[in-house]
Amino acid sequence: MNSNRKAAKIVGVLFILAAVTAVIGLNLYDPILNGPDYLLKGSEHANQVIVGAVMELILVVSAVGTATTMFPLLRQYNESIALWHVCFRFLEAIIITVGVISVLSLLTLSQEFVAAGAPDPSSFHSSGITLKAIHDWTFMLGPLFMLGINTVMYSYIFYKTRLVPRFISILGMTGATGVFICSLFVMFGVFPQISFWGAILAVPVAANEMILAVWLIVKGFNENAIISLTAKSKRKATI
């Protein structure tokens, strides 16, 4: 039970760490991702942009950490779903990492633009537009599309096993559906990701992660549910 209690605390802390670093990273990227003078502002705020990249890399580590820490427990109910959850969480992390690389490449482009003096900006802008587009797509596919898929997987297992209260699991499945639908709307150009409707559809999954994180840190997983899962797992092993 002590190991499960420790795992619950780790997962809770990692969820909070992921949320905090994601928000900080996006805000620190502002000089190089927003505004028409991003080629100048990016170089001027190089350290800020790099810190933003570090924040997102911490997000990547946290995302992978939540999946791998929960896997031994989730697999006792359904190993296939637990494995899919880990795989989609890894895909989310990979996509976010590609976004980080695009921002750092954009920073290099900005520094080259400044070092060149006053060059013809058209070629630099064309490369910049491409790198910004890569970041925008990864920002949608990772934190929306993939997040929706992997959240519904662990929330479903939580709901079936009662490892956490069912209202948290229901909120998780609802939030996962919301961000997945949001990703499709953004993909087809119905509305931008950073918009009123984008925020409305993202709020439930964000609330789920924070409520789940606090619950796991304070209460941990349901011990009776763990005992039941362990007993079922042992019975399957003997069949």
C-alpha atoms as a PDB file:
ATOM      1  CA  MET A   1       0.000   0.000   0.000  1.00  0.00           C
ATOM      2  CA  ASN A   2       2.910   2.348   0.763  1.00  0.00           C
ATOM      3  CA  SER A   3       4.218   1.999  -2.802  1.00  0.00           C
ATOM      4  CA  ASN A   4       0.762   2.768  -4.226  1.00  0.00           C
ATOM      5  CA  ARG A   5       0.438   5.799  -1.947  1.00  0.00           C
ATOM      6  CA  LYS A   6       3.821   7.022  -3.130  1.00  0.00           C
ATOM      7  CA  ALA A   7       2.864   6.451  -6.779  1.00  0.00           C
ATOM      8  CA  ALA A   8      -0.340   8.456  -6.274  1.00  0.00           C
ATOM      9  CA  LYS A   9       1.599  11.394  -4.836  1.00  0.00           C
ATOM     10  CA  ILE A  10       4.090  11.269  -7.710  1.00  0.00           C
ATOM     11  CA  VAL A  11       1.314  11.265 -10.314  1.00  0.00           C
ATOM     12  CA  GLY A  12      -0.439  14.155  -8.569  1.00  0.00           C
ATOM     13  CA  VAL A  13       2.711  16.268  -8.395  1.00  0.00           C
ATOM     14  CA  LEU A  14       3.547  15.516 -12.043  1.00  0.00           C
ATOM     15  CA  PHE A  15       0.064  16.575 -13.200  1.00  0.00           C
ATOM     16  CA  ILE A  16       0.449  19.903 -11.408  1.00  0.00           C
ATOM     17  CA  LEU A  17       3.996  20.337 -12.698  1.00  0.00           C
ATOM     18  CA  ALA A  18       2.841  19.653 -16.260  1.00  0.00           C
ATOM     19  CA  ALA A  19       0.044  22.215 -16.046  1.00  0.00           C
ATOM     20  CA  VAL A  20       2.243  24.927 -14.512  1.00  0.00           C
ATOM     21  CA  THR A  21       5.147  24.493 -16.918  1.00  0.00           C
ATOM     22  CA  ALA A  22       2.788  24.415 -19.927  1.00  0.00           C
ATOM     23  CA  VAL A  23       1.291  27.800 -19.005  1.00  0.00           C
ATOM     24  CA  ILE A  24       4.660  29.353 -18.156  1.00  0.00           C
ATOM     25  CA  GLY A  25       6.279  28.030 -21.336  1.00  0.00           C
ATOM     26  CA  LEU A  26       3.544  29.403 -23.601  1.00  0.00           C
ATOM     27  CA  ASN A  27       3.715  32.838 -21.953  1.00  0.00           C
ATOM     28  CA  LEU A  28       7.505  32.977 -22.239  1.00  0.00           C
ATOM     29  CA  TYR A  29       7.261  32.226 -25.972  1.00  0.00           C
ATOM     30  CA  ASP A  30       5.203  35.382 -26.558  1.00  0.00           C
ATOM     31  CA  PRO A  31       8.002  37.590 -28.017  1.00  0.00           C
ATOM     32  CA  ILE A  32       8.927  35.068 -30.709  1.00  0.00           C
ATOM     33  CA  LEU A  33       5.502  33.645 -31.580  1.00  0.00           C
ATOM     34  CA  ASN A  34       3.349  36.767 -31.548  1.00  0.00           C
ATOM     35  CA  GLY A  35       3.655  40.118 -33.271  1.00  0.00           C
ATOM     36  CA  PRO A  36       4.997  41.184 -36.679  1.00  0.00           C
ATOM     37  CA  ASP A  37       8.483  41.968 -35.330  1.00  0.00           C
ATOM     38  CA  TYR A  38       9.149  38.482 -33.980  1.00  0.00           C
ATOM     39  CA  LEU A  39      12.469  38.231 -35.865  1.00  0.00           C
ATOM     40  CA  LEU A  40      13.801  41.119 -33.782  1.00  0.00           C
ATOM     41  CA  LYS A  41      11.992  40.411 -30.526  1.00  0.00           C
ATOM     42  CA  GLY A  42      13.005  36.760 -30.500  1.00  0.00           C
ATOM     43  CA  SER A  43      16.701  37.577 -30.472  1.00  0.00           C
ATOM     44  CA  GLU A  44      16.205  40.352 -27.913  1.00  0.00           C
ATOM     45  CA  HIS A  45      14.438  37.937 -25.551  1.00  0.00           C
ATOM     46  CA  ALA A  46      16.569  34.867 -26.306  1.00  0.00           C
ATOM     47  CA  ASN A  47      17.013  33.807 -22.677  1.00  0.00           C
ATOM     48  CA  GLN A  48      13.287  34.142 -22.038  1.00  0.00           C
ATOM     49  CA  VAL A  49      12.500  31.940 -25.038  1.00  0.00           C
ATOM     50  CA  ILE A  50      15.055  29.340 -23.933  1.00  0.00           C
ATOM     51  CA  VAL A  51      13.551  29.241 -20.436  1.00  0.00           C
ATOM     52  CA  GLY A  52      10.167  28.714 -22.105  1.00  0.00           C
ATOM     53  CA  ALA A  53      11.635  25.758 -24.006  1.00  0.00           C
ATOM     54  CA  VAL A  54      13.007  24.313 -20.764  1.00  0.00           C
ATOM     55  CA  MET A  55       9.542  24.644 -19.200  1.00  0.00           C
ATOM     56  CA  GLU A  56       8.021  22.668 -22.062  1.00  0.00           C
ATOM     57  CA  LEU A  57      10.699  20.001 -21.766  1.00  0.00           C
ATOM     58  CA  ILE A  58       9.774  19.667 -18.094  1.00  0.00           C
ATOM     59  CA  LEU A  59       6.173  19.295 -19.316  1.00  0.00           C
ATOM     60  CA  VAL A  60       7.324  16.465 -21.605  1.00  0.00           C
ATOM     61  CA  VAL A  61       9.068  14.657 -18.743  1.00  0.00           C
ATOM     62  CA  SER A  62       6.031  15.137 -16.500  1.00  0.00           C
ATOM     63  CA  ALA A  63       3.654  13.772 -19.148  1.00  0.00           C
ATOM     64  CA  VAL A  64       5.738  10.645 -19.647  1.00  0.00           C
ATOM     65  CA  GLY A  65       6.113  10.309 -15.885  1.00  0.00           C
ATOM     66  CA  THR A  66       2.367  10.263 -15.228  1.00  0.00           C
ATOM     67  CA  ALA A  67       1.824   7.525 -17.807  1.00  0.00           C
ATOM     68  CA  THR A  68       4.667   5.251 -16.711  1.00  0.00           C
ATOM     69  CA  THR A  69       3.869   5.669 -13.013  1.00  0.00           C
ATOM     70  CA  MET A  70       0.200   4.776 -13.508  1.00  0.00           C
ATOM     71  CA  PHE A  71       0.887   1.883 -15.895  1.00  0.00           C
ATOM     72  CA  PRO A  72       1.528  -0.886 -13.285  1.00  0.00           C
ATOM     73  CA  LEU A  73      -1.807  -0.096 -11.647  1.00  0.00           C
ATOM     74  CA  LEU A  74      -3.870   0.427 -14.799  1.00  0.00           C
ATOM     75  CA  ARG A  75      -2.584  -2.770 -16.416  1.00  0.00           C
ATOM     76  CA  GLN A  76      -4.161  -4.861 -13.639  1.00  0.00           C
ATOM     77  CA  TYR A  77      -7.582  -3.932 -15.025  1.00  0.00           C
ATOM     78  CA  ASN A  78      -6.796  -3.981 -18.749  1.00  0.00           C
ATOM     79  CA  GLU A  79      -3.232  -4.290 -20.001  1.00  0.00           C
ATOM     80  CA  SER A  80      -4.105  -3.292 -23.573  1.00  0.00           C
ATOM     81  CA  ILE A  81      -5.770  -0.019 -22.598  1.00  0.00           C
ATOM     82  CA  ALA A  82      -2.977   0.715 -20.124  1.00  0.00           C
ATOM     83  CA  LEU A  83      -0.395   0.173 -22.862  1.00  0.00           C
ATOM     84  CA  TRP A  84      -2.334   2.325 -25.334  1.00  0.00           C
ATOM     85  CA  HIS A  85      -2.430   5.054 -22.714  1.00  0.00           C
ATOM     86  CA  VAL A  86       1.351   4.971 -22.351  1.00  0.00           C
ATOM     87  CA  CYS A  87       1.849   4.965 -26.138  1.00  0.00           C
ATOM     88  CA  PHE A  88      -0.477   7.922 -26.752  1.00  0.00           C
ATOM     89  CA  ARG A  89       1.104   9.799 -23.852  1.00  0.00           C
ATOM     90  CA  PHE A  90       4.505   9.219 -25.441  1.00  0.00           C
ATOM     91  CA  LEU A  91       3.138  10.462 -28.778  1.00  0.00           C
ATOM     92  CA  GLU A  92       1.857  13.581 -27.024  1.00  0.00           C
ATOM     93  CA  ALA A  93       5.319  14.122 -25.530  1.00  0.00           C
ATOM     94  CA  ILE A  94       7.034  13.607 -28.902  1.00  0.00           C
ATOM     95  CA  ILE A  95       4.723  16.089 -30.619  1.00  0.00           C
ATOM     96  CA  ILE A  96       5.342  18.693 -27.912  1.00  0.00           C
ATOM     97  CA  THR A  97       9.099  18.127 -28.288  1.00  0.00           C
ATOM     98  CA  VAL A  98       8.842  18.797 -32.030  1.00  0.00           C
ATOM     99  CA  GLY A  99       7.117  22.067 -31.121  1.00  0.00           C
ATOM    100  CA  VAL A 100       9.990  22.967 -28.798  1.00  0.00           C
ATOM    101  CA  ILE A 101      12.491  22.267 -31.579  1.00  0.00           C
ATOM    102  CA  SER A 102      10.530  24.523 -33.945  1.00  0.00           C
ATOM    103  CA  VAL A 103      10.625  27.406 -31.440  1.00  0.00           C
ATOM    104  CA  LEU A 104      14.356  26.989 -30.808  1.00  0.00           C
ATOM    105  CA  SER A 105      14.932  26.871 -34.578  1.00  0.00           C
ATOM    106  CA  LEU A 106      12.894  30.060 -34.889  1.00  0.00           C
ATOM    107  CA  LEU A 107      15.133  31.622 -32.244  1.00  0.00           C
ATOM    108  CA  THR A 108      18.220  30.693 -34.282  1.00  0.00           C
ATOM    109  CA  LEU A 109      16.582  32.225 -37.354  1.00  0.00           C
ATOM    110  CA  SER A 110      15.909  35.410 -35.384  1.00  0.00           C
ATOM    111  CA  GLN A 111      19.515  35.585 -34.212  1.00  0.00           C
ATOM    112  CA  GLU A 112      20.773  35.050 -37.761  1.00  0.00           C
ATOM    113  CA  PHE A 113      18.454  37.817 -38.977  1.00  0.00           C
ATOM    114  CA  VAL A 114      19.827  40.273 -36.417  1.00  0.00           C
ATOM    115  CA  ALA A 115      23.447  39.237 -37.055  1.00  0.00           C
ATOM    116  CA  ALA A 116      23.004  39.806 -40.804  1.00  0.00           C
ATOM    117  CA  GLY A 117      22.297  43.493 -40.230  1.00  0.00           C
ATOM    118  CA  ALA A 118      19.488  44.654 -42.519  1.00  0.00           C
ATOM    119  CA  PRO A 119      18.972  41.828 -45.027  1.00  0.00           C
ATOM    120  CA  ASP A 120      15.994  41.267 -47.289  1.00  0.00           C
ATOM    121  CA  PRO A 121      13.478  40.001 -44.713  1.00  0.00           C
ATOM    122  CA  SER A 122      11.312  38.042 -47.178  1.00  0.00           C
ATOM    123  CA  SER A 123      13.361  34.834 -47.071  1.00  0.00           C
ATOM    124  CA  PHE A 124      13.639  35.003 -43.281  1.00  0.00           C
ATOM    125  CA  HIS A 125       9.909  35.581 -42.931  1.00  0.00           C
ATOM    126  CA  SER A 126       9.061  32.632 -45.172  1.00  0.00           C
ATOM    127  CA  SER A 127      11.168  30.334 -42.978  1.00  0.00           C
ATOM    128  CA  GLY A 128       9.715  31.942 -39.870  1.00  0.00           C
ATOM    129  CA  ILE A 129       6.147  31.374 -41.027  1.00  0.00           C
ATOM    130  CA  THR A 130       6.925  27.689 -41.587  1.00  0.00           C
ATOM    131  CA  LEU A 131       8.474  27.235 -38.138  1.00  0.00           C
ATOM    132  CA  LYS A 132       5.604  29.072 -36.456  1.00  0.00           C
ATOM    133  CA  ALA A 133       3.131  26.873 -38.348  1.00  0.00           C
ATOM    134  CA  ILE A 134       4.925  23.741 -37.116  1.00  0.00           C
ATOM    135  CA  HIS A 135       4.621  25.004 -33.539  1.00  0.00           C
ATOM    136  CA  ASP A 136       0.933  25.851 -33.995  1.00  0.00           C
ATOM    137  CA  TRP A 137       0.129  22.372 -35.328  1.00  0.00           C
ATOM    138  CA  THR A 138       2.098  20.619 -32.578  1.00  0.00           C
ATOM    139  CA  PHE A 139       0.390  22.860 -30.003  1.00  0.00           C
ATOM    140  CA  MET A 140      -2.940  21.563 -31.288  1.00  0.00           C
ATOM    141  CA  LEU A 141      -2.080  17.903 -31.890  1.00  0.00           C
ATOM    142  CA  GLY A 142      -0.262  17.335 -28.584  1.00  0.00           C
ATOM    143  CA  PRO A 143      -2.192  19.204 -25.847  1.00  0.00           C
ATOM    144  CA  LEU A 144      -5.573  18.691 -27.552  1.00  0.00           C
ATOM    145  CA  PHE A 145      -5.808  15.695 -29.903  1.00  0.00           C
ATOM    146  CA  MET A 146      -3.462  13.255 -28.140  1.00  0.00           C
ATOM    147  CA  LEU A 147      -4.384  14.545 -24.685  1.00  0.00           C
ATOM    148  CA  GLY A 148      -8.033  13.791 -25.390  1.00  0.00           C
ATOM    149  CA  ILE A 149      -7.244  10.219 -26.359  1.00  0.00           C
ATOM    150  CA  ASN A 150      -4.976   9.316 -23.458  1.00  0.00           C
ATOM    151  CA  THR A 151      -7.155  11.082 -20.856  1.00  0.00           C
ATOM    152  CA  VAL A 152     -10.253   9.109 -21.807  1.00  0.00           C
ATOM    153  CA  MET A 153      -8.253   5.875 -21.454  1.00  0.00           C
ATOM    154  CA  TYR A 154      -7.065   6.343 -17.884  1.00  0.00           C
ATOM    155  CA  SER A 155     -10.378   7.987 -16.883  1.00  0.00           C
ATOM    156  CA  TYR A 156     -12.278   4.967 -18.198  1.00  0.00           C
ATOM    157  CA  ILE A 157     -10.175   2.584 -16.108  1.00  0.00           C
ATOM    158  CA  PHE A 158     -10.554   4.838 -13.076  1.00  0.00           C
ATOM    159  CA  TYR A 159     -14.322   4.815 -13.609  1.00  0.00           C
ATOM    160  CA  LYS A 160     -14.548   1.028 -13.908  1.00  0.00           C
ATOM    161  CA  THR A 161     -12.254   0.290 -10.958  1.00  0.00           C
ATOM    162  CA  ARG A 162     -13.226   3.190  -8.639  1.00  0.00           C
ATOM    163  CA  LEU A 163      -9.556   3.909  -7.989  1.00  0.00           C
ATOM    164  CA  VAL A 164     -10.689   7.506  -7.564  1.00  0.00           C
ATOM    165  CA  PRO A 165     -14.212   8.883  -6.985  1.00  0.00           C
ATOM    166  CA  ARG A 166     -16.396   8.481 -10.027  1.00  0.00           C
ATOM    167  CA  PHE A 167     -17.161  12.180 -10.340  1.00  0.00           C
ATOM    168  CA  ILE A 168     -13.463  12.707 -11.149  1.00  0.00           C
ATOM    169  CA  SER A 169     -13.511   9.922 -13.735  1.00  0.00           C
ATOM    170  CA  ILE A 170     -16.668  11.320 -15.341  1.00  0.00           C
ATOM    171  CA  LEU A 171     -15.145  14.799 -15.452  1.00  0.00           C
ATOM    172  CA  GLY A 172     -12.054  13.262 -17.040  1.00  0.00           C
ATOM    173  CA  MET A 173     -14.006  11.498 -19.796  1.00  0.00           C
ATOM    174  CA  THR A 174     -16.100  14.630 -20.383  1.00  0.00           C
ATOM    175  CA  GLY A 175     -13.007  16.825 -20.552  1.00  0.00           C
ATOM    176  CA  ALA A 176     -11.227  14.382 -22.841  1.00  0.00           C
ATOM    177  CA  THR A 177     -14.168  14.417 -25.239  1.00  0.00           C
ATOM    178  CA  GLY A 178     -14.206  18.219 -25.115  1.00  0.00           C
ATOM    179  CA  VAL A 179     -10.545  18.731 -26.045  1.00  0.00           C
ATOM    180  CA  PHE A 180     -10.735  16.053 -28.731  1.00  0.00           C
ATOM    181  CA  ILE A 181     -13.726  17.794 -30.329  1.00  0.00           C
ATOM    182  CA  CYS A 182     -11.897  21.109 -29.923  1.00  0.00           C
ATOM    183  CA  SER A 183      -8.898  19.717 -31.817  1.00  0.00           C
ATOM    184  CA  LEU A 184     -11.144  18.736 -34.728  1.00  0.00           C
ATOM    185  CA  PHE A 185     -12.794  22.163 -34.821  1.00  0.00           C
ATOM    186  CA  VAL A 186      -9.380  23.849 -34.780  1.00  0.00           C
ATOM    187  CA  MET A 187      -8.083  21.482 -37.446  1.00  0.00           C
ATOM    188  CA  PHE A 188     -10.963  22.346 -39.787  1.00  0.00           C
ATOM    189  CA  GLY A 189     -10.698  26.066 -39.065  1.00  0.00           C
ATOM    190  CA  VAL A 190     -14.018  26.482 -37.239  1.00  0.00           C
ATOM    191  CA  PHE A 191     -12.299  28.593 -34.565  1.00  0.00           C
ATOM    192  CA  PRO A 192      -8.688  29.178 -33.422  1.00  0.00           C
ATOM    193  CA  GLN A 193      -7.247  27.235 -30.514  1.00  0.00           C
ATOM    194  CA  ILE A 194      -6.707  30.383 -28.448  1.00  0.00           C
ATOM    195  CA  SER A 195     -10.309  31.587 -28.475  1.00  0.00           C
ATOM    196  CA  PHE A 196     -13.428  31.714 -26.307  1.00  0.00           C
ATOM    197  CA  TRP A 197     -14.750  28.358 -27.547  1.00  0.00           C
ATOM    198  CA  GLY A 198     -11.299  26.804 -27.368  1.00  0.00           C
ATOM    199  CA  ALA A 199     -11.077  27.817 -23.718  1.00  0.00           C
ATOM    200  CA  ILE A 200     -14.608  26.583 -22.936  1.00  0.00           C
ATOM    201  CA  LEU A 201     -13.860  23.139 -24.370  1.00  0.00           C
ATOM    202  CA  ALA A 202     -10.475  22.940 -22.604  1.00  0.00           C
ATOM    203  CA  VAL A 203     -11.668  23.948 -19.114  1.00  0.00           C
ATOM    204  CA  PRO A 204     -13.162  20.545 -18.101  1.00  0.00           C
ATOM    205  CA  VAL A 205      -9.983  18.555 -18.837  1.00  0.00           C
ATOM    206  CA  ALA A 206      -7.852  21.156 -17.052  1.00  0.00           C
ATOM    207  CA  ALA A 207     -10.195  21.025 -14.055  1.00  0.00           C
ATOM    208  CA  ASN A 208     -10.066  17.222 -14.096  1.00  0.00           C
ATOM    209  CA  GLU A 209      -6.270  17.132 -14.020  1.00  0.00           C
ATOM    210  CA  MET A 210      -6.053  19.590 -11.123  1.00  0.00           C
ATOM    211  CA  ILE A 211      -8.831  17.934  -9.075  1.00  0.00           C
ATOM    212  CA  LEU A 212      -7.315  14.509  -9.754  1.00  0.00           C
ATOM    213  CA  ALA A 213      -3.843  15.765  -8.825  1.00  0.00           C
ATOM    214  CA  VAL A 214      -4.992  17.209  -5.496  1.00  0.00           C
ATOM    215  CA  TRP A 215      -7.034  14.082  -4.720  1.00  0.00           C
ATOM    216  CA  LEU A 216      -4.075  11.783  -5.394  1.00  0.00           C
ATOM    217  CA  ILE A 217      -1.713  13.886  -3.293  1.00  0.00           C
ATOM    218  CA  VAL A 218      -4.122  14.151  -0.352  1.00  0.00           C
ATOM    219  CA  LYS A 219      -6.089  10.880  -0.501  1.00  0.00           C
ATOM    220  CA  GLY A 220      -4.240   8.592  -2.910  1.00  0.00           C
ATOM    221  CA  PHE A 221      -5.843   5.731  -4.804  1.00  0.00           C
ATOM    222  CA  ASN A 222      -8.756   3.833  -3.285  1.00  0.00           C
ATOM    223  CA  GLU A 223      -7.081   1.041  -1.292  1.00  0.00           C
ATOM    224  CA  ASN A 224     -10.085  -1.267  -1.478  1.00  0.00           C
ATOM    225  CA  ALA A 225     -10.097  -0.881  -5.265  1.00  0.00           C
ATOM    226  CA  ILE A 226      -6.387  -1.717  -5.363  1.00  0.00           C
ATOM    227  CA  ILE A 227      -6.955  -4.857  -3.280  1.00  0.00           C
ATOM    228  CA  SER A 228      -9.761  -5.920  -5.605  1.00  0.00           C
ATOM    229  CA  LEU A 229      -7.638  -5.260  -8.699  1.00  0.00           C
ATOM    230  CA  THR A 230      -4.701  -7.204  -7.268  1.00  0.00           C
ATOM    231  CA  ALA A 231      -6.920 -10.176  -6.428  1.00  0.00           C
ATOM    232  CA  LYS A 232      -8.435 -10.217  -9.916  1.00  0.00           C
ATOM    233  CA  SER A 233      -4.987  -9.967 -11.457  1.00  0.00           C
ATOM    234  CA  LYS A 234      -3.773 -12.952  -9.432  1.00  0.00           C
ATOM    235  CA  ARG A 235      -6.802 -14.996 -10.432  1.00  0.00           C
ATOM    236  CA  LYS A 236      -6.156 -14.255 -14.115  1.00  0.00           C
ATOM    237  CA  ALA A 237      -2.532 -15.308 -13.701  1.00  0.00           C
ATOM    238  CA  THR A 238      -3.555 -18.701 -12.320  1.00  0.00           C
ATOM    239  CA  ILE A 239      -6.036 -19.444 -15.112  1.00  0.00           C
END
